[in-house]
């Protein structure tokens, strides 16, 4: 994806907004106990934040697995983010896949709730890196 600096900034800012909105949606439906929906929104909060970071750095991926791989390579293995961040992001992907597509297993409160707060911290860290990257360009 070849973007001008202005286009890149706009896309990154839009992805950050989407990440924050998805996170708020996840927290907003906790009282309804829609565990698959919460897992989905937590994943997309992280996905949009990570996508914003990759775009800010000039990287692109064509698939969700590609985003996970690039995130691991560029930010976890390089030491910019802790290994736990990579594990959390991968777990969110797996949990979302289970909630959205598994016909034999549904998500429960104990599967999802331990991830709500860590996702908030993850997206904060990732968004901060994305904003720093934009400021450098």
C-alpha atoms as a PDB file:
ATOM      1  CA  UNK A   1       0.000   0.000   0.000  1.00  0.00           C
ATOM      2  CA  UNK A   2       1.639   3.180  -1.176  1.00  0.00           C
ATOM      3  CA  UNK A   3       0.364   6.120   0.848  1.00  0.00           C
ATOM      4  CA  UNK A   4       1.378   9.732   1.075  1.00  0.00           C
ATOM      5  CA  UNK A   5       2.316  10.947   4.542  1.00  0.00           C
ATOM      6  CA  UNK A   6      -1.065  12.640   4.859  1.00  0.00           C
ATOM      7  CA  UNK A   7      -2.957   9.515   3.764  1.00  0.00           C
ATOM      8  CA  UNK A   8      -0.902   7.338   6.115  1.00  0.00           C
ATOM      9  CA  UNK A   9      -1.682   9.656   9.040  1.00  0.00           C
ATOM     10  CA  UNK A  10      -5.415   9.603   8.215  1.00  0.00           C
ATOM     11  CA  UNK A  11      -5.516   5.795   7.964  1.00  0.00           C
ATOM     12  CA  UNK A  12      -3.569   5.364  11.195  1.00  0.00           C
ATOM     13  CA  UNK A  13      -5.822   7.799  13.048  1.00  0.00           C
ATOM     14  CA  UNK A  14      -8.932   6.028  11.710  1.00  0.00           C
ATOM     15  CA  UNK A  15      -7.604   2.622  12.815  1.00  0.00           C
ATOM     16  CA  UNK A  16      -6.826   4.025  16.258  1.00  0.00           C
ATOM     17  CA  UNK A  17     -10.392   5.342  16.538  1.00  0.00           C
ATOM     18  CA  UNK A  18     -11.718   1.930  15.479  1.00  0.00           C
ATOM     19  CA  UNK A  19      -9.521   0.210  18.065  1.00  0.00           C
ATOM     20  CA  UNK A  20     -10.760   2.429  20.877  1.00  0.00           C
ATOM     21  CA  UNK A  21     -14.373   2.082  19.750  1.00  0.00           C
ATOM     22  CA  UNK A  22     -14.132  -1.737  19.602  1.00  0.00           C
ATOM     23  CA  UNK A  23     -12.639  -1.798  23.098  1.00  0.00           C
ATOM     24  CA  UNK A  24     -15.458   0.358  24.454  1.00  0.00           C
ATOM     25  CA  UNK A  25     -17.986  -1.907  22.716  1.00  0.00           C
ATOM     26  CA  UNK A  26     -16.417  -4.952  24.380  1.00  0.00           C
ATOM     27  CA  UNK A  27     -16.670  -3.360  27.814  1.00  0.00           C
ATOM     28  CA  UNK A  28     -20.165  -2.117  27.071  1.00  0.00           C
ATOM     29  CA  UNK A  29     -21.659  -5.571  26.537  1.00  0.00           C
ATOM     30  CA  UNK A  30     -20.047  -7.282  29.533  1.00  0.00           C
ATOM     31  CA  UNK A  31     -23.241  -6.852  31.538  1.00  0.00           C
ATOM     32  CA  UNK A  32     -25.159  -8.674  28.801  1.00  0.00           C
ATOM     33  CA  UNK A  33     -22.781 -11.661  29.045  1.00  0.00           C
ATOM     34  CA  UNK A  34     -22.374 -11.981  25.268  1.00  0.00           C
ATOM     35  CA  UNK A  35     -18.984 -13.668  25.607  1.00  0.00           C
ATOM     36  CA  UNK A  36     -18.454 -14.374  21.897  1.00  0.00           C
ATOM     37  CA  UNK A  37     -19.268 -10.746  21.073  1.00  0.00           C
ATOM     38  CA  UNK A  38     -16.906  -9.487  23.761  1.00  0.00           C
ATOM     39  CA  UNK A  39     -14.121 -11.759  22.479  1.00  0.00           C
ATOM     40  CA  UNK A  40     -14.738 -10.510  18.944  1.00  0.00           C
ATOM     41  CA  UNK A  41     -14.582  -6.849  19.952  1.00  0.00           C
ATOM     42  CA  UNK A  42     -11.460  -7.384  22.101  1.00  0.00           C
ATOM     43  CA  UNK A  43      -9.718  -9.008  19.158  1.00  0.00           C
ATOM     44  CA  UNK A  44     -10.724  -6.241  16.763  1.00  0.00           C
ATOM     45  CA  UNK A  45      -9.612  -3.601  19.247  1.00  0.00           C
ATOM     46  CA  UNK A  46      -6.151  -5.180  19.226  1.00  0.00           C
ATOM     47  CA  UNK A  47      -6.238  -5.858  15.470  1.00  0.00           C
ATOM     48  CA  UNK A  48      -7.031  -2.251  14.598  1.00  0.00           C
ATOM     49  CA  UNK A  49      -4.403  -0.908  16.998  1.00  0.00           C
ATOM     50  CA  UNK A  50      -1.749  -3.282  15.631  1.00  0.00           C
ATOM     51  CA  UNK A  51      -2.786  -2.484  12.059  1.00  0.00           C
ATOM     52  CA  UNK A  52      -2.423   1.226  12.826  1.00  0.00           C
ATOM     53  CA  UNK A  53       1.068   0.597  14.156  1.00  0.00           C
ATOM     54  CA  UNK A  54       2.104  -1.445  11.129  1.00  0.00           C
ATOM     55  CA  UNK A  55       0.761   1.190   8.737  1.00  0.00           C
ATOM     56  CA  UNK A  56       2.494   3.940  10.705  1.00  0.00           C
ATOM     57  CA  UNK A  57       5.745   2.028  10.216  1.00  0.00           C
ATOM     58  CA  UNK A  58       5.062   1.509   6.495  1.00  0.00           C
ATOM     59  CA  UNK A  59       4.202  -2.199   6.752  1.00  0.00           C
ATOM     60  CA  UNK A  60       1.151  -3.933   5.353  1.00  0.00           C
ATOM     61  CA  UNK A  61      -0.288  -7.417   5.660  1.00  0.00           C
ATOM     62  CA  UNK A  62      -2.983  -9.044   3.566  1.00  0.00           C
ATOM     63  CA  UNK A  63      -4.380 -11.396   6.241  1.00  0.00           C
ATOM     64  CA  UNK A  64      -5.027 -11.502   9.957  1.00  0.00           C
ATOM     65  CA  UNK A  65      -2.279 -14.113  10.275  1.00  0.00           C
ATOM     66  CA  UNK A  66       0.031 -11.769   8.390  1.00  0.00           C
ATOM     67  CA  UNK A  67      -0.703  -8.981  10.857  1.00  0.00           C
ATOM     68  CA  UNK A  68       0.065 -11.343  13.746  1.00  0.00           C
ATOM     69  CA  UNK A  69       3.313 -12.427  12.095  1.00  0.00           C
ATOM     70  CA  UNK A  70       4.503  -8.883  11.327  1.00  0.00           C
ATOM     71  CA  UNK A  71       3.580  -7.715  14.825  1.00  0.00           C
ATOM     72  CA  UNK A  72       5.645 -10.522  16.309  1.00  0.00           C
ATOM     73  CA  UNK A  73       8.606  -9.925  14.018  1.00  0.00           C
ATOM     74  CA  UNK A  74       8.732  -6.130  14.107  1.00  0.00           C
ATOM     75  CA  UNK A  75       7.689  -5.348  17.664  1.00  0.00           C
ATOM     76  CA  UNK A  76       7.899  -8.391  19.930  1.00  0.00           C
ATOM     77  CA  UNK A  77      11.029 -10.165  18.699  1.00  0.00           C
ATOM     78  CA  UNK A  78      12.782  -6.808  18.363  1.00  0.00           C
ATOM     79  CA  UNK A  79      12.045  -6.074  22.035  1.00  0.00           C
ATOM     80  CA  UNK A  80       9.898  -2.981  21.469  1.00  0.00           C
ATOM     81  CA  UNK A  81       7.031  -4.799  23.193  1.00  0.00           C
ATOM     82  CA  UNK A  82       7.163  -7.654  25.700  1.00  0.00           C
ATOM     83  CA  UNK A  83       6.669 -11.272  24.643  1.00  0.00           C
ATOM     84  CA  UNK A  84       3.392 -11.256  26.592  1.00  0.00           C
ATOM     85  CA  UNK A  85       2.006  -8.745  24.081  1.00  0.00           C
ATOM     86  CA  UNK A  86       2.553 -11.183  21.241  1.00  0.00           C
ATOM     87  CA  UNK A  87       1.038 -14.039  23.223  1.00  0.00           C
ATOM     88  CA  UNK A  88      -1.977 -11.938  24.160  1.00  0.00           C
ATOM     89  CA  UNK A  89      -2.606 -10.867  20.572  1.00  0.00           C
ATOM     90  CA  UNK A  90      -2.359 -14.464  19.340  1.00  0.00           C
ATOM     91  CA  UNK A  91      -4.694 -15.641  22.131  1.00  0.00           C
ATOM     92  CA  UNK A  92      -7.246 -12.997  21.166  1.00  0.00           C
ATOM     93  CA  UNK A  93      -7.139 -14.227  17.566  1.00  0.00           C
ATOM     94  CA  UNK A  94      -7.688 -17.829  18.679  1.00  0.00           C
ATOM     95  CA  UNK A  95     -10.475 -16.840  21.063  1.00  0.00           C
ATOM     96  CA  UNK A  96     -12.226 -14.804  18.364  1.00  0.00           C
ATOM     97  CA  UNK A  97     -11.954 -17.724  15.935  1.00  0.00           C
ATOM     98  CA  UNK A  98     -13.505 -20.018  18.537  1.00  0.00           C
ATOM     99  CA  UNK A  99     -16.316 -17.607  19.346  1.00  0.00           C
ATOM    100  CA  UNK A 100     -17.119 -16.828  15.725  1.00  0.00           C
ATOM    101  CA  UNK A 101     -16.655 -20.205  14.024  1.00  0.00           C
ATOM    102  CA  UNK A 102     -16.496 -23.130  16.459  1.00  0.00           C
ATOM    103  CA  UNK A 103     -19.717 -25.153  16.391  1.00  0.00           C
ATOM    104  CA  UNK A 104     -18.738 -27.361  19.308  1.00  0.00           C
ATOM    105  CA  UNK A 105     -17.503 -24.943  21.948  1.00  0.00           C
ATOM    106  CA  UNK A 106     -18.864 -21.632  23.180  1.00  0.00           C
ATOM    107  CA  UNK A 107     -16.993 -19.053  25.170  1.00  0.00           C
ATOM    108  CA  UNK A 108     -17.809 -18.449  28.814  1.00  0.00           C
ATOM    109  CA  UNK A 109     -17.081 -15.656  31.257  1.00  0.00           C
ATOM    110  CA  UNK A 110     -13.911 -17.362  32.535  1.00  0.00           C
ATOM    111  CA  UNK A 111     -12.604 -17.604  28.964  1.00  0.00           C
ATOM    112  CA  UNK A 112     -13.035 -13.910  28.185  1.00  0.00           C
ATOM    113  CA  UNK A 113     -12.963 -11.705  31.278  1.00  0.00           C
ATOM    114  CA  UNK A 114      -9.271 -12.231  32.127  1.00  0.00           C
ATOM    115  CA  UNK A 115      -8.416 -10.484  28.840  1.00  0.00           C
ATOM    116  CA  UNK A 116     -10.446  -7.287  29.134  1.00  0.00           C
ATOM    117  CA  UNK A 117      -7.942  -5.268  31.174  1.00  0.00           C
ATOM    118  CA  UNK A 118      -4.809  -6.622  29.429  1.00  0.00           C
ATOM    119  CA  UNK A 119      -6.285  -5.691  26.045  1.00  0.00           C
ATOM    120  CA  UNK A 120      -6.791  -2.133  27.265  1.00  0.00           C
ATOM    121  CA  UNK A 121      -3.121  -1.967  28.256  1.00  0.00           C
ATOM    122  CA  UNK A 122      -2.008  -3.573  24.986  1.00  0.00           C
ATOM    123  CA  UNK A 123      -3.882  -1.150  22.788  1.00  0.00           C
ATOM    124  CA  UNK A 124      -2.570   1.783  24.860  1.00  0.00           C
ATOM    125  CA  UNK A 125       1.013   0.649  24.291  1.00  0.00           C
ATOM    126  CA  UNK A 126       0.493  -0.072  20.603  1.00  0.00           C
ATOM    127  CA  UNK A 127      -1.315   3.215  19.956  1.00  0.00           C
ATOM    128  CA  UNK A 128       1.480   5.115  21.692  1.00  0.00           C
ATOM    129  CA  UNK A 129       4.061   3.452  19.425  1.00  0.00           C
ATOM    130  CA  UNK A 130       1.948   4.262  16.367  1.00  0.00           C
ATOM    131  CA  UNK A 131       1.680   7.921  17.374  1.00  0.00           C
ATOM    132  CA  UNK A 132       5.422   8.102  18.038  1.00  0.00           C
ATOM    133  CA  UNK A 133       6.096   6.646  14.626  1.00  0.00           C
ATOM    134  CA  UNK A 134       3.864   9.209  12.938  1.00  0.00           C
ATOM    135  CA  UNK A 135       5.587  12.016  14.829  1.00  0.00           C
ATOM    136  CA  UNK A 136       8.965  10.802  13.579  1.00  0.00           C
ATOM    137  CA  UNK A 137       7.912  10.963   9.937  1.00  0.00           C
END
